[in-house]
């Protein structure tokens, strides 16, 4: 099993998005940091995945489901990034983001950073969407993202989500 970190938007949303995908075995939700100047913690998830889903799909889902092309005032808290654990993944991630930028005619601000540290969120916030899909936050923010990935990645999205 491999793992990759994703930061960009609210970690409740990001957690639910990746939990909805076939091939994702575990999503840890919390805060992640990298090397200076990105050593402050920002909201993120660590995704543990199998060969049933590839890194390119995971990255494309990530770019589709958060503000990956806009700089905004909350970027310290919501850093748009892919965090790698294996140095061999860095070039692959950069290549995938570059390819998607050309295909989508978009300038992504998503950074490719080495993983340094992670802090798991408190238990009451883990599995936020799974615990109560009818909360206003879930209906307003998470459901539209799930609809978007179902539309584009239908076969990869779990039917029980």
N, C-alpha and C. Protein backbone atom coordinates (compact mmCIF):
# COMPACT_ATOMS: atom_id res chain seq x y z
N UNK A 1 0.85 -1.18 0.00
CA UNK A 1 0.00 0.00 0.00
C UNK A 1 0.89 1.24 0.00
N UNK A 2 0.48 2.24 -0.77
CA UNK A 2 1.21 3.50 -0.85
C UNK A 2 0.43 4.58 -0.11
N UNK A 3 1.11 5.70 0.14
CA UNK A 3 0.41 6.83 0.74
C UNK A 3 0.91 8.13 0.14
N UNK A 4 0.00 9.12 0.18
CA UNK A 4 0.26 10.44 -0.36
C UNK A 4 -0.53 11.45 0.47
N UNK A 5 -0.04 12.64 0.63
CA UNK A 5 -0.74 13.68 1.36
C UNK A 5 -1.36 14.70 0.43
N UNK A 6 -2.53 15.20 0.80
CA UNK A 6 -3.20 16.24 0.02
C UNK A 6 -3.68 17.35 0.93
N UNK A 7 -3.36 18.57 0.56
CA UNK A 7 -3.86 19.73 1.27
C UNK A 7 -4.42 20.72 0.27
N UNK A 8 -5.42 21.43 0.68
CA UNK A 8 -5.98 22.41 -0.25
C UNK A 8 -7.20 23.11 0.28
N UNK A 9 -8.13 22.34 0.71
CA UNK A 9 -9.36 22.90 1.25
C UNK A 9 -9.58 22.35 2.63
N UNK A 10 -10.78 22.49 3.08
CA UNK A 10 -11.15 21.98 4.39
C UNK A 10 -10.87 20.48 4.46
N UNK A 11 -10.24 20.04 5.55
CA UNK A 11 -9.91 18.62 5.64
C UNK A 11 -11.14 17.73 5.81
N UNK A 12 -12.27 18.28 6.25
CA UNK A 12 -13.50 17.49 6.30
C UNK A 12 -13.94 17.12 4.89
N UNK A 13 -13.86 18.11 3.99
CA UNK A 13 -14.23 17.86 2.59
C UNK A 13 -13.25 16.89 1.94
N UNK A 14 -11.96 17.16 2.13
CA UNK A 14 -10.94 16.35 1.49
C UNK A 14 -11.01 14.90 1.97
N UNK A 15 -11.26 14.72 3.26
CA UNK A 15 -11.40 13.38 3.82
C UNK A 15 -12.54 12.63 3.11
N UNK A 16 -13.70 13.24 3.01
CA UNK A 16 -14.87 12.59 2.40
C UNK A 16 -14.63 12.27 0.93
N UNK A 17 -14.02 13.16 0.21
CA UNK A 17 -13.75 12.95 -1.22
C UNK A 17 -12.93 11.68 -1.42
N UNK A 18 -11.85 11.54 -0.67
CA UNK A 18 -10.98 10.39 -0.87
C UNK A 18 -11.56 9.11 -0.26
N UNK A 19 -12.33 9.23 0.80
CA UNK A 19 -13.00 8.04 1.35
C UNK A 19 -13.99 7.45 0.35
N UNK A 20 -14.48 8.27 -0.56
CA UNK A 20 -15.49 7.83 -1.53
C UNK A 20 -14.90 7.03 -2.70
N UNK A 21 -13.59 6.91 -2.78
CA UNK A 21 -12.95 6.29 -3.94
C UNK A 21 -12.57 4.83 -3.70
N UNK A 22 -12.86 3.99 -4.69
CA UNK A 22 -12.37 2.61 -4.67
C UNK A 22 -10.85 2.64 -4.69
N UNK A 23 -10.24 1.77 -3.94
CA UNK A 23 -8.79 1.71 -3.90
C UNK A 23 -8.16 2.52 -2.79
N UNK A 24 -8.96 3.36 -2.16
CA UNK A 24 -8.47 4.12 -0.99
C UNK A 24 -8.85 3.32 0.24
N UNK A 25 -7.87 2.90 1.00
CA UNK A 25 -8.09 2.06 2.16
C UNK A 25 -8.25 2.84 3.46
N UNK A 26 -7.57 3.98 3.56
CA UNK A 26 -7.59 4.77 4.79
C UNK A 26 -7.32 6.23 4.45
N UNK A 27 -8.05 7.12 5.11
CA UNK A 27 -7.80 8.55 4.98
C UNK A 27 -7.62 9.09 6.39
N UNK A 28 -6.43 9.63 6.66
CA UNK A 28 -6.15 10.27 7.95
C UNK A 28 -6.36 11.77 7.77
N UNK A 29 -7.14 12.36 8.64
CA UNK A 29 -7.50 13.77 8.52
C UNK A 29 -6.87 14.58 9.64
N UNK A 30 -6.24 15.68 9.27
CA UNK A 30 -5.60 16.52 10.29
C UNK A 30 -4.84 17.67 9.68
N UNK A 31 -3.61 17.85 10.14
CA UNK A 31 -2.75 18.95 9.71
C UNK A 31 -1.41 18.39 9.31
N UNK A 32 -0.85 18.94 8.24
CA UNK A 32 0.41 18.45 7.69
C UNK A 32 1.39 19.60 7.53
N UNK A 33 2.68 19.27 7.62
CA UNK A 33 3.70 20.29 7.39
C UNK A 33 4.81 19.71 6.51
N UNK A 34 5.59 20.62 5.94
CA UNK A 34 6.68 20.24 5.06
C UNK A 34 7.93 20.99 5.51
N UNK A 35 8.81 21.23 4.57
CA UNK A 35 10.05 21.95 4.86
C UNK A 35 9.79 23.45 4.77
N UNK A 36 10.67 24.23 5.38
CA UNK A 36 10.58 25.70 5.34
C UNK A 36 10.59 26.16 3.89
N UNK A 37 9.78 27.09 3.53
CA UNK A 37 8.89 27.94 4.31
C UNK A 37 7.49 27.35 4.49
N UNK A 38 7.32 26.07 4.21
CA UNK A 38 6.00 25.41 4.32
C UNK A 38 5.94 24.50 5.54
N UNK A 39 6.62 24.92 6.60
CA UNK A 39 6.72 24.10 7.80
C UNK A 39 5.62 24.39 8.83
N UNK A 40 4.75 25.34 8.52
CA UNK A 40 3.58 25.54 9.37
C UNK A 40 2.53 24.50 9.00
N UNK A 41 1.74 24.08 9.97
CA UNK A 41 0.73 23.06 9.71
C UNK A 41 -0.45 23.67 8.97
N UNK A 42 -0.95 22.94 7.98
CA UNK A 42 -2.17 23.33 7.27
C UNK A 42 -3.08 22.12 7.15
N UNK A 43 -4.37 22.38 6.94
CA UNK A 43 -5.34 21.29 6.88
C UNK A 43 -5.02 20.37 5.71
N UNK A 44 -5.10 19.06 5.98
CA UNK A 44 -4.72 18.09 4.95
C UNK A 44 -5.18 16.69 5.34
N UNK A 45 -4.98 15.77 4.42
CA UNK A 45 -5.24 14.36 4.67
C UNK A 45 -4.05 13.55 4.17
N UNK A 46 -3.90 12.37 4.73
CA UNK A 46 -2.97 11.38 4.20
C UNK A 46 -3.84 10.25 3.67
N UNK A 47 -3.65 9.93 2.39
CA UNK A 47 -4.43 8.91 1.71
C UNK A 47 -3.58 7.67 1.53
N UNK A 48 -4.07 6.55 2.06
CA UNK A 48 -3.42 5.24 1.89
C UNK A 48 -4.20 4.52 0.79
N UNK A 49 -3.50 4.11 -0.27
CA UNK A 49 -4.21 3.55 -1.41
C UNK A 49 -3.53 2.30 -1.96
N UNK A 50 -4.31 1.51 -2.67
CA UNK A 50 -3.83 0.26 -3.26
C UNK A 50 -3.64 0.44 -4.77
N UNK A 51 -3.24 -0.63 -5.41
CA UNK A 51 -3.05 -0.61 -6.86
C UNK A 51 -4.37 -0.48 -7.62
N UNK A 52 -5.51 -0.54 -6.90
CA UNK A 52 -6.81 -0.41 -7.54
C UNK A 52 -7.12 1.03 -7.98
N UNK A 53 -6.29 1.96 -7.57
CA UNK A 53 -6.42 3.35 -8.02
C UNK A 53 -5.01 3.89 -8.21
N UNK A 54 -4.82 4.69 -9.24
CA UNK A 54 -3.46 5.17 -9.47
C UNK A 54 -3.29 6.62 -8.98
N UNK A 55 -2.05 6.98 -8.84
CA UNK A 55 -1.70 8.30 -8.32
C UNK A 55 -2.24 9.41 -9.22
N UNK A 56 -2.25 9.21 -10.53
CA UNK A 56 -2.75 10.23 -11.44
C UNK A 56 -4.23 10.54 -11.16
N UNK A 57 -5.04 9.52 -10.94
CA UNK A 57 -6.45 9.75 -10.64
C UNK A 57 -6.60 10.49 -9.32
N UNK A 58 -5.84 10.09 -8.31
CA UNK A 58 -5.91 10.76 -7.01
C UNK A 58 -5.56 12.25 -7.15
N UNK A 59 -4.53 12.55 -7.91
CA UNK A 59 -4.13 13.95 -8.09
C UNK A 59 -5.20 14.71 -8.86
N UNK A 60 -5.75 14.10 -9.89
CA UNK A 60 -6.80 14.79 -10.66
C UNK A 60 -8.03 15.06 -9.80
N UNK A 61 -8.41 14.10 -8.97
CA UNK A 61 -9.54 14.30 -8.04
C UNK A 61 -9.22 15.46 -7.11
N UNK A 62 -8.01 15.49 -6.61
CA UNK A 62 -7.60 16.56 -5.69
C UNK A 62 -7.70 17.94 -6.36
N UNK A 63 -7.18 18.05 -7.57
CA UNK A 63 -7.20 19.34 -8.27
C UNK A 63 -8.62 19.78 -8.60
N UNK A 64 -9.50 18.82 -8.87
CA UNK A 64 -10.88 19.11 -9.21
C UNK A 64 -11.71 19.58 -8.02
N UNK A 65 -11.33 19.17 -6.81
CA UNK A 65 -12.21 19.36 -5.66
C UNK A 65 -11.77 20.43 -4.66
N UNK A 66 -10.85 21.28 -5.05
CA UNK A 66 -10.53 22.44 -4.21
C UNK A 66 -10.04 23.57 -5.11
N UNK A 67 -9.83 24.74 -4.54
CA UNK A 67 -9.38 25.91 -5.32
C UNK A 67 -7.90 25.78 -5.63
N UNK A 68 -7.60 24.92 -6.59
CA UNK A 68 -6.21 24.58 -6.90
C UNK A 68 -5.54 25.57 -7.86
N UNK A 69 -6.28 26.54 -8.33
CA UNK A 69 -5.71 27.51 -9.27
C UNK A 69 -5.85 28.95 -8.79
N UNK A 70 -6.27 29.13 -7.55
CA UNK A 70 -6.46 30.51 -7.08
C UNK A 70 -5.71 30.75 -5.77
N UNK A 71 -5.01 31.86 -5.76
CA UNK A 71 -4.35 32.29 -4.53
C UNK A 71 -5.38 33.08 -3.73
N UNK A 72 -5.50 32.76 -2.47
CA UNK A 72 -6.45 33.51 -1.63
C UNK A 72 -5.84 33.72 -0.25
N UNK A 73 -6.49 34.50 0.54
CA UNK A 73 -5.92 34.93 1.82
C UNK A 73 -5.79 33.80 2.84
N UNK A 74 -6.44 32.67 2.62
CA UNK A 74 -6.41 31.57 3.60
C UNK A 74 -5.41 30.48 3.21
N UNK A 75 -4.47 30.75 2.32
CA UNK A 75 -3.55 29.72 1.84
C UNK A 75 -2.63 29.16 2.93
N UNK A 76 -2.41 29.87 4.01
CA UNK A 76 -1.62 29.28 5.10
C UNK A 76 -2.39 28.14 5.76
N UNK A 77 -3.66 28.35 5.98
CA UNK A 77 -4.49 27.32 6.60
C UNK A 77 -4.87 26.23 5.59
N UNK A 78 -5.08 26.63 4.35
CA UNK A 78 -5.50 25.72 3.29
C UNK A 78 -4.47 25.73 2.15
N UNK A 79 -3.28 25.23 2.43
CA UNK A 79 -2.21 25.20 1.43
C UNK A 79 -2.54 24.17 0.35
N UNK A 80 -2.52 24.59 -0.90
CA UNK A 80 -2.76 23.66 -2.01
C UNK A 80 -1.47 22.92 -2.30
N UNK A 81 -1.45 21.63 -1.95
CA UNK A 81 -0.21 20.87 -2.09
C UNK A 81 -0.48 19.37 -2.20
N UNK A 82 0.50 18.70 -2.80
CA UNK A 82 0.58 17.24 -2.77
C UNK A 82 1.87 16.94 -2.03
N UNK A 83 1.77 16.16 -0.97
CA UNK A 83 2.92 15.82 -0.12
C UNK A 83 3.35 14.39 -0.42
N UNK A 84 4.60 14.24 -0.80
CA UNK A 84 5.10 12.90 -1.12
C UNK A 84 5.92 12.33 0.04
N UNK A 85 5.84 11.01 0.17
CA UNK A 85 6.57 10.27 1.18
C UNK A 85 7.80 9.59 0.58
N UNK A 86 7.73 9.32 -0.71
CA UNK A 86 8.79 8.63 -1.43
C UNK A 86 9.36 9.61 -2.46
N UNK A 87 10.66 9.87 -2.38
CA UNK A 87 11.29 10.83 -3.30
C UNK A 87 11.04 10.48 -4.77
N UNK A 88 10.86 9.20 -5.06
CA UNK A 88 10.60 8.78 -6.44
C UNK A 88 9.26 9.28 -6.95
N UNK A 89 8.35 9.62 -6.06
CA UNK A 89 7.02 10.10 -6.47
C UNK A 89 7.03 11.57 -6.88
N UNK A 90 8.03 12.32 -6.47
CA UNK A 90 8.04 13.76 -6.73
C UNK A 90 7.94 14.07 -8.22
N UNK A 91 8.78 13.45 -9.05
CA UNK A 91 8.77 13.72 -10.49
C UNK A 91 7.45 13.28 -11.12
N UNK A 92 6.89 12.18 -10.65
CA UNK A 92 5.61 11.69 -11.17
C UNK A 92 4.51 12.70 -10.87
N UNK A 93 4.47 13.18 -9.64
CA UNK A 93 3.45 14.16 -9.23
C UNK A 93 3.57 15.44 -10.06
N UNK A 94 4.80 15.94 -10.20
CA UNK A 94 5.01 17.17 -10.99
C UNK A 94 4.58 16.96 -12.44
N UNK A 95 4.88 15.79 -12.99
CA UNK A 95 4.50 15.48 -14.35
C UNK A 95 2.97 15.43 -14.52
N UNK A 96 2.30 14.80 -13.57
CA UNK A 96 0.84 14.69 -13.64
C UNK A 96 0.20 16.08 -13.54
N UNK A 97 0.66 16.90 -12.61
CA UNK A 97 0.10 18.26 -12.47
C UNK A 97 0.36 19.06 -13.74
N UNK A 98 1.56 18.93 -14.31
CA UNK A 98 1.88 19.63 -15.55
C UNK A 98 1.00 19.18 -16.70
N UNK A 99 0.79 17.89 -16.82
CA UNK A 99 -0.07 17.33 -17.88
C UNK A 99 -1.50 17.83 -17.72
N UNK A 100 -2.02 17.80 -16.49
CA UNK A 100 -3.39 18.26 -16.25
C UNK A 100 -3.53 19.77 -16.48
N UNK A 101 -2.49 20.53 -16.19
CA UNK A 101 -2.51 21.97 -16.44
C UNK A 101 -2.67 22.24 -17.94
N UNK A 102 -1.95 21.48 -18.76
CA UNK A 102 -2.08 21.64 -20.21
C UNK A 102 -3.46 21.20 -20.70
N UNK A 103 -3.91 20.03 -20.25
CA UNK A 103 -5.21 19.50 -20.67
C UNK A 103 -6.36 20.42 -20.28
N UNK A 104 -6.25 21.02 -19.10
CA UNK A 104 -7.33 21.86 -18.58
C UNK A 104 -7.11 23.35 -18.82
N UNK A 105 -6.00 23.69 -19.48
CA UNK A 105 -5.64 25.08 -19.73
C UNK A 105 -5.74 25.91 -18.44
N UNK A 106 -5.08 25.38 -17.40
CA UNK A 106 -5.15 25.98 -16.07
C UNK A 106 -3.75 26.12 -15.49
N UNK A 107 -3.51 27.18 -14.77
CA UNK A 107 -2.24 27.36 -14.04
C UNK A 107 -2.49 26.98 -12.58
N UNK A 108 -2.12 25.76 -12.23
CA UNK A 108 -2.32 25.31 -10.85
C UNK A 108 -1.28 25.93 -9.93
N UNK A 109 -1.71 26.28 -8.74
CA UNK A 109 -0.78 26.80 -7.74
C UNK A 109 -0.37 25.68 -6.78
N UNK A 110 -0.88 24.51 -6.99
CA UNK A 110 -0.62 23.35 -6.13
C UNK A 110 0.87 23.03 -6.12
N UNK A 111 1.41 22.96 -4.91
CA UNK A 111 2.83 22.70 -4.75
C UNK A 111 3.08 21.22 -4.52
N UNK A 112 4.27 20.78 -4.88
CA UNK A 112 4.70 19.41 -4.64
C UNK A 112 5.77 19.49 -3.56
N UNK A 113 5.44 18.95 -2.37
CA UNK A 113 6.29 19.14 -1.19
C UNK A 113 6.59 17.82 -0.50
N UNK A 114 7.75 17.71 0.11
CA UNK A 114 8.04 16.50 0.89
C UNK A 114 7.26 16.51 2.21
N UNK A 115 6.80 15.35 2.59
CA UNK A 115 6.12 15.20 3.88
C UNK A 115 7.14 15.32 4.99
N UNK A 116 6.79 16.06 6.05
CA UNK A 116 7.64 16.16 7.24
C UNK A 116 6.90 15.69 8.49
N UNK A 117 5.69 16.21 8.72
CA UNK A 117 5.00 15.89 9.97
C UNK A 117 3.49 15.94 9.77
N UNK A 118 2.78 15.24 10.65
CA UNK A 118 1.33 15.18 10.57
C UNK A 118 0.76 15.11 11.98
N UNK A 119 -0.35 15.81 12.18
CA UNK A 119 -1.09 15.76 13.44
C UNK A 119 -2.53 15.37 13.12
N UNK A 120 -2.96 14.26 13.67
CA UNK A 120 -4.31 13.77 13.46
C UNK A 120 -5.31 14.68 14.16
N UNK A 121 -6.44 14.91 13.53
CA UNK A 121 -7.49 15.72 14.13
C UNK A 121 -8.08 14.96 15.33
N UNK A 122 -8.82 15.66 16.19
CA UNK A 122 -9.45 15.01 17.34
C UNK A 122 -10.57 14.08 16.85
N UNK A 123 -10.82 13.04 17.61
CA UNK A 123 -11.75 11.97 17.25
C UNK A 123 -13.12 12.49 16.83
N UNK A 124 -13.63 13.51 17.51
CA UNK A 124 -14.98 13.99 17.19
C UNK A 124 -15.10 14.61 15.80
N UNK A 125 -13.98 14.93 15.14
CA UNK A 125 -14.01 15.50 13.79
C UNK A 125 -13.62 14.50 12.71
N UNK A 126 -13.12 13.34 13.11
CA UNK A 126 -12.75 12.33 12.12
C UNK A 126 -13.99 11.70 11.51
N UNK A 127 -13.89 11.30 10.27
CA UNK A 127 -15.03 10.72 9.54
C UNK A 127 -16.24 11.64 9.58
N UNK A 128 -15.98 12.91 9.43
CA UNK A 128 -16.98 13.95 9.59
C UNK A 128 -18.21 13.70 8.72
N UNK A 129 -18.00 13.44 7.45
CA UNK A 129 -19.12 13.23 6.52
C UNK A 129 -19.83 11.92 6.82
N UNK A 130 -19.08 10.88 7.07
CA UNK A 130 -19.67 9.56 7.33
C UNK A 130 -20.57 9.57 8.56
N UNK A 131 -20.22 10.38 9.55
CA UNK A 131 -20.99 10.42 10.80
C UNK A 131 -22.36 11.09 10.64
N UNK A 132 -22.45 12.08 9.76
CA UNK A 132 -23.73 12.76 9.57
C UNK A 132 -23.74 13.52 8.25
N UNK A 133 -24.14 12.84 7.19
CA UNK A 133 -24.15 13.41 5.84
C UNK A 133 -25.17 14.53 5.68
N UNK A 134 -26.04 14.70 6.66
CA UNK A 134 -27.11 15.68 6.53
C UNK A 134 -26.82 17.00 7.26
N UNK A 135 -25.63 17.13 7.82
CA UNK A 135 -25.25 18.41 8.42
C UNK A 135 -25.22 19.47 7.32
N UNK A 136 -25.60 20.70 7.66
CA UNK A 136 -25.59 21.77 6.64
C UNK A 136 -24.24 21.89 5.93
N UNK A 137 -23.13 21.77 6.66
CA UNK A 137 -21.81 21.88 6.04
C UNK A 137 -21.63 20.81 4.97
N UNK A 138 -22.04 19.60 5.28
CA UNK A 138 -21.91 18.49 4.33
C UNK A 138 -22.77 18.72 3.09
N UNK A 139 -24.00 19.14 3.30
CA UNK A 139 -24.91 19.37 2.18
C UNK A 139 -24.41 20.50 1.27
N UNK A 140 -23.88 21.54 1.88
CA UNK A 140 -23.45 22.72 1.13
C UNK A 140 -22.08 22.57 0.49
N UNK A 141 -21.14 21.94 1.19
CA UNK A 141 -19.75 21.93 0.73
C UNK A 141 -19.25 20.58 0.21
N UNK A 142 -19.65 19.50 0.84
CA UNK A 142 -19.10 18.19 0.45
C UNK A 142 -19.92 17.55 -0.67
N UNK A 143 -21.24 17.59 -0.58
CA UNK A 143 -22.07 16.94 -1.61
C UNK A 143 -21.79 17.45 -3.03
N UNK A 144 -21.62 18.76 -3.25
CA UNK A 144 -21.31 19.20 -4.62
C UNK A 144 -19.98 18.63 -5.13
N UNK A 145 -19.02 18.45 -4.25
CA UNK A 145 -17.73 17.88 -4.67
C UNK A 145 -17.88 16.39 -4.99
N UNK A 146 -18.68 15.70 -4.20
CA UNK A 146 -18.94 14.29 -4.50
C UNK A 146 -19.67 14.14 -5.83
N UNK A 147 -20.60 15.04 -6.10
CA UNK A 147 -21.31 15.02 -7.38
C UNK A 147 -20.33 15.23 -8.53
N UNK A 148 -19.39 16.13 -8.37
CA UNK A 148 -18.40 16.41 -9.42
C UNK A 148 -17.52 15.19 -9.69
N UNK A 149 -17.08 14.50 -8.63
CA UNK A 149 -16.23 13.33 -8.89
C UNK A 149 -17.04 12.15 -9.43
N UNK A 150 -18.30 12.03 -9.03
CA UNK A 150 -19.14 10.97 -9.61
C UNK A 150 -19.30 11.19 -11.12
N UNK A 151 -19.46 12.45 -11.50
CA UNK A 151 -19.66 12.79 -12.91
C UNK A 151 -18.41 12.44 -13.73
N UNK A 152 -17.25 12.75 -13.20
CA UNK A 152 -16.01 12.57 -13.96
C UNK A 152 -15.38 11.19 -13.74
N UNK A 153 -15.52 10.62 -12.57
CA UNK A 153 -14.84 9.36 -12.22
C UNK A 153 -15.82 8.29 -11.77
N UNK A 154 -16.99 8.24 -12.37
CA UNK A 154 -18.08 7.38 -11.93
C UNK A 154 -17.70 6.01 -11.45
N UNK A 155 -16.92 5.27 -12.21
CA UNK A 155 -16.54 3.90 -11.85
C UNK A 155 -15.63 3.85 -10.62
N UNK A 156 -14.89 4.90 -10.39
CA UNK A 156 -13.97 4.93 -9.25
C UNK A 156 -14.64 5.28 -7.93
N UNK A 157 -15.88 5.79 -7.99
CA UNK A 157 -16.56 6.25 -6.79
C UNK A 157 -17.41 5.12 -6.22
N UNK A 158 -17.28 4.91 -4.95
CA UNK A 158 -18.04 3.87 -4.26
C UNK A 158 -19.54 4.15 -4.31
N UNK A 159 -20.32 3.12 -4.47
CA UNK A 159 -21.77 3.30 -4.54
C UNK A 159 -22.38 3.49 -3.16
N UNK A 160 -21.67 3.13 -2.11
CA UNK A 160 -22.21 3.24 -0.75
C UNK A 160 -21.85 4.57 -0.10
N UNK A 161 -21.45 5.52 -0.90
CA UNK A 161 -21.04 6.81 -0.33
C UNK A 161 -22.01 7.89 -0.71
